[in-house]
C-alpha cells in the first residue's frame, strides 16, 4: 500500500487544518470521496471526485487535492517494484457548530 512519507496522521492533520467552509456553505457538510493514482515515482495523477456534497462546485475536493499533492508519497510496491495504485480517500466534512 502507498502511504504519505510523513505518515497518515500528518495527512489527516493537514486536511483538518486546510479544509475550510466558504461563508454561507455550511449546508454542504457530509462525506467527500476522492480517488487518485499514486504513480511509481510518488506523484499524484488521475484525480477523480467520487462524491462531493457541494456537487459541481467541488468546494472540498479541490481543497483535498491541494493537500494530497503537497505531500510526498511512498508508492505501492508489488514484488519489490514500485507500481501505480488507485487510492480512494474518504473525508467527512462537519461544520461542528
C-alpha atoms as a PDB file:
ATOM      1  CA  UNK A   1       0.000   0.000   0.000  1.00  0.00           C
ATOM      2  CA  UNK A   2       1.217   3.512  -0.715  1.00  0.00           C
ATOM      3  CA  UNK A   3       1.382   5.996   2.130  1.00  0.00           C
ATOM      4  CA  UNK A   4       2.439   9.553   2.858  1.00  0.00           C
ATOM      5  CA  UNK A   5       6.167   9.675   3.663  1.00  0.00           C
ATOM      6  CA  UNK A   6       5.411  11.684   6.800  1.00  0.00           C
ATOM      7  CA  UNK A   7       2.668   9.254   7.869  1.00  0.00           C
ATOM      8  CA  UNK A   8      -1.088   9.028   7.565  1.00  0.00           C
ATOM      9  CA  UNK A   9      -1.546  11.071  10.755  1.00  0.00           C
ATOM     10  CA  UNK A  10       0.213  14.001   9.092  1.00  0.00           C
ATOM     11  CA  UNK A  11      -2.157  13.813   6.120  1.00  0.00           C
ATOM     12  CA  UNK A  12      -5.167  13.824   8.443  1.00  0.00           C
ATOM     13  CA  UNK A  13      -3.820  16.792  10.446  1.00  0.00           C
ATOM     14  CA  UNK A  14      -3.056  18.717   7.266  1.00  0.00           C
ATOM     15  CA  UNK A  15      -6.564  18.109   5.922  1.00  0.00           C
ATOM     16  CA  UNK A  16      -8.061  19.271   9.244  1.00  0.00           C
ATOM     17  CA  UNK A  17      -6.024  22.473   9.165  1.00  0.00           C
ATOM     18  CA  UNK A  18      -6.596  23.248   5.499  1.00  0.00           C
ATOM     19  CA  UNK A  19     -10.215  22.456   4.644  1.00  0.00           C
ATOM     20  CA  UNK A  20     -12.437  25.497   5.129  1.00  0.00           C
ATOM     21  CA  UNK A  21     -16.124  26.170   4.652  1.00  0.00           C
ATOM     22  CA  UNK A  22     -16.703  29.207   2.469  1.00  0.00           C
ATOM     23  CA  UNK A  23     -19.134  31.650   4.102  1.00  0.00           C
ATOM     24  CA  UNK A  24     -22.734  30.513   3.704  1.00  0.00           C
ATOM     25  CA  UNK A  25     -21.843  26.999   2.540  1.00  0.00           C
ATOM     26  CA  UNK A  26     -22.458  25.040   5.782  1.00  0.00           C
ATOM     27  CA  UNK A  27     -25.304  23.060   4.187  1.00  0.00           C
ATOM     28  CA  UNK A  28     -22.700  21.110   2.242  1.00  0.00           C
ATOM     29  CA  UNK A  29     -21.352  19.137   5.162  1.00  0.00           C
ATOM     30  CA  UNK A  30     -21.131  15.394   4.627  1.00  0.00           C
ATOM     31  CA  UNK A  31     -18.729  12.884   3.132  1.00  0.00           C
ATOM     32  CA  UNK A  32     -16.366  13.714   0.306  1.00  0.00           C
ATOM     33  CA  UNK A  33     -14.769  10.808  -1.525  1.00  0.00           C
ATOM     34  CA  UNK A  34     -11.905  11.390  -3.915  1.00  0.00           C
ATOM     35  CA  UNK A  35      -9.634   8.990  -5.760  1.00  0.00           C
ATOM     36  CA  UNK A  36      -6.255   9.458  -7.382  1.00  0.00           C
ATOM     37  CA  UNK A  37      -3.391   7.406  -8.733  1.00  0.00           C
ATOM     38  CA  UNK A  38      -0.119   7.366  -6.846  1.00  0.00           C
ATOM     39  CA  UNK A  39       2.448   6.767  -9.566  1.00  0.00           C
ATOM     40  CA  UNK A  40       5.638   4.694  -9.053  1.00  0.00           C
ATOM     41  CA  UNK A  41       7.584   7.956  -8.646  1.00  0.00           C
ATOM     42  CA  UNK A  42       5.243   9.055  -5.808  1.00  0.00           C
ATOM     43  CA  UNK A  43       3.488  11.753  -7.848  1.00  0.00           C
ATOM     44  CA  UNK A  44      -0.291  12.171  -7.937  1.00  0.00           C
ATOM     45  CA  UNK A  45      -2.198  11.701 -11.189  1.00  0.00           C
ATOM     46  CA  UNK A  46      -5.714  10.905 -12.398  1.00  0.00           C
ATOM     47  CA  UNK A  47      -7.705  12.891  -9.839  1.00  0.00           C
ATOM     48  CA  UNK A  48     -11.351  11.838  -9.600  1.00  0.00           C
ATOM     49  CA  UNK A  49     -14.206  13.123  -7.489  1.00  0.00           C
ATOM     50  CA  UNK A  50     -16.474  10.250  -6.493  1.00  0.00           C
ATOM     51  CA  UNK A  51     -18.700  12.119  -4.052  1.00  0.00           C
ATOM     52  CA  UNK A  52     -18.877  15.816  -3.246  1.00  0.00           C
ATOM     53  CA  UNK A  53     -21.624  17.387  -1.061  1.00  0.00           C
ATOM     54  CA  UNK A  54     -21.312  20.693  -2.940  1.00  0.00           C
ATOM     55  CA  UNK A  55     -21.893  18.987  -6.293  1.00  0.00           C
ATOM     56  CA  UNK A  56     -20.338  20.720  -9.296  1.00  0.00           C
ATOM     57  CA  UNK A  57     -18.884  23.481  -7.098  1.00  0.00           C
ATOM     58  CA  UNK A  58     -16.354  20.927  -5.785  1.00  0.00           C
ATOM     59  CA  UNK A  59     -15.608  23.177  -2.824  1.00  0.00           C
ATOM     60  CA  UNK A  60     -13.987  20.480  -0.702  1.00  0.00           C
ATOM     61  CA  UNK A  61     -12.489  18.112  -3.270  1.00  0.00           C
ATOM     62  CA  UNK A  62     -10.352  20.947  -4.670  1.00  0.00           C
ATOM     63  CA  UNK A  63      -9.010  21.647  -1.190  1.00  0.00           C
ATOM     64  CA  UNK A  64      -8.366  17.952  -0.569  1.00  0.00           C
ATOM     65  CA  UNK A  65      -6.425  17.576  -3.827  1.00  0.00           C
ATOM     66  CA  UNK A  66      -4.258  20.587  -2.931  1.00  0.00           C
ATOM     67  CA  UNK A  67      -3.264  18.873   0.325  1.00  0.00           C
ATOM     68  CA  UNK A  68      -2.774  15.458  -1.292  1.00  0.00           C
ATOM     69  CA  UNK A  69      -0.490  16.945  -3.961  1.00  0.00           C
ATOM     70  CA  UNK A  70       1.560  18.877  -1.389  1.00  0.00           C
ATOM     71  CA  UNK A  71       2.519  15.677   0.448  1.00  0.00           C
ATOM     72  CA  UNK A  72       5.295  13.338  -0.652  1.00  0.00           C
ATOM     73  CA  UNK A  73       4.097   9.780  -1.127  1.00  0.00           C
ATOM     74  CA  UNK A  74       5.793   6.398  -0.874  1.00  0.00           C
ATOM     75  CA  UNK A  75       4.473   4.372  -3.815  1.00  0.00           C
ATOM     76  CA  UNK A  76       2.857   0.958  -3.615  1.00  0.00           C
ATOM     77  CA  UNK A  77       5.138  -1.977  -4.259  1.00  0.00           C
ATOM     78  CA  UNK A  78       4.474  -5.330  -5.802  1.00  0.00           C
ATOM     79  CA  UNK A  79       7.197  -7.964  -5.731  1.00  0.00           C
ATOM     80  CA  UNK A  80       9.612  -5.254  -4.619  1.00  0.00           C
ATOM     81  CA  UNK A  81       8.858  -2.975  -7.585  1.00  0.00           C
ATOM     82  CA  UNK A  82       7.026   0.373  -7.345  1.00  0.00           C
ATOM     83  CA  UNK A  83       3.678   0.252  -9.164  1.00  0.00           C
ATOM     84  CA  UNK A  84       0.771   2.664  -9.796  1.00  0.00           C
ATOM     85  CA  UNK A  85      -2.019   2.463  -7.220  1.00  0.00           C
ATOM     86  CA  UNK A  86      -5.556   3.851  -7.268  1.00  0.00           C
ATOM     87  CA  UNK A  87      -6.034   5.385  -3.809  1.00  0.00           C
ATOM     88  CA  UNK A  88      -9.520   6.245  -2.547  1.00  0.00           C
ATOM     89  CA  UNK A  89      -9.722   8.820   0.227  1.00  0.00           C
ATOM     90  CA  UNK A  90     -12.967   9.466   2.140  1.00  0.00           C
ATOM     91  CA  UNK A  91     -13.129  12.693   4.162  1.00  0.00           C
ATOM     92  CA  UNK A  92     -16.010  13.643   6.447  1.00  0.00           C
ATOM     93  CA  UNK A  93     -16.836  17.347   6.404  1.00  0.00           C
ATOM     94  CA  UNK A  94     -18.543  18.557   9.583  1.00  0.00           C
ATOM     95  CA  UNK A  95     -19.244  22.200  10.334  1.00  0.00           C
ATOM     96  CA  UNK A  96     -19.012  21.394  14.059  1.00  0.00           C
ATOM     97  CA  UNK A  97     -21.266  24.194  15.274  1.00  0.00           C
END
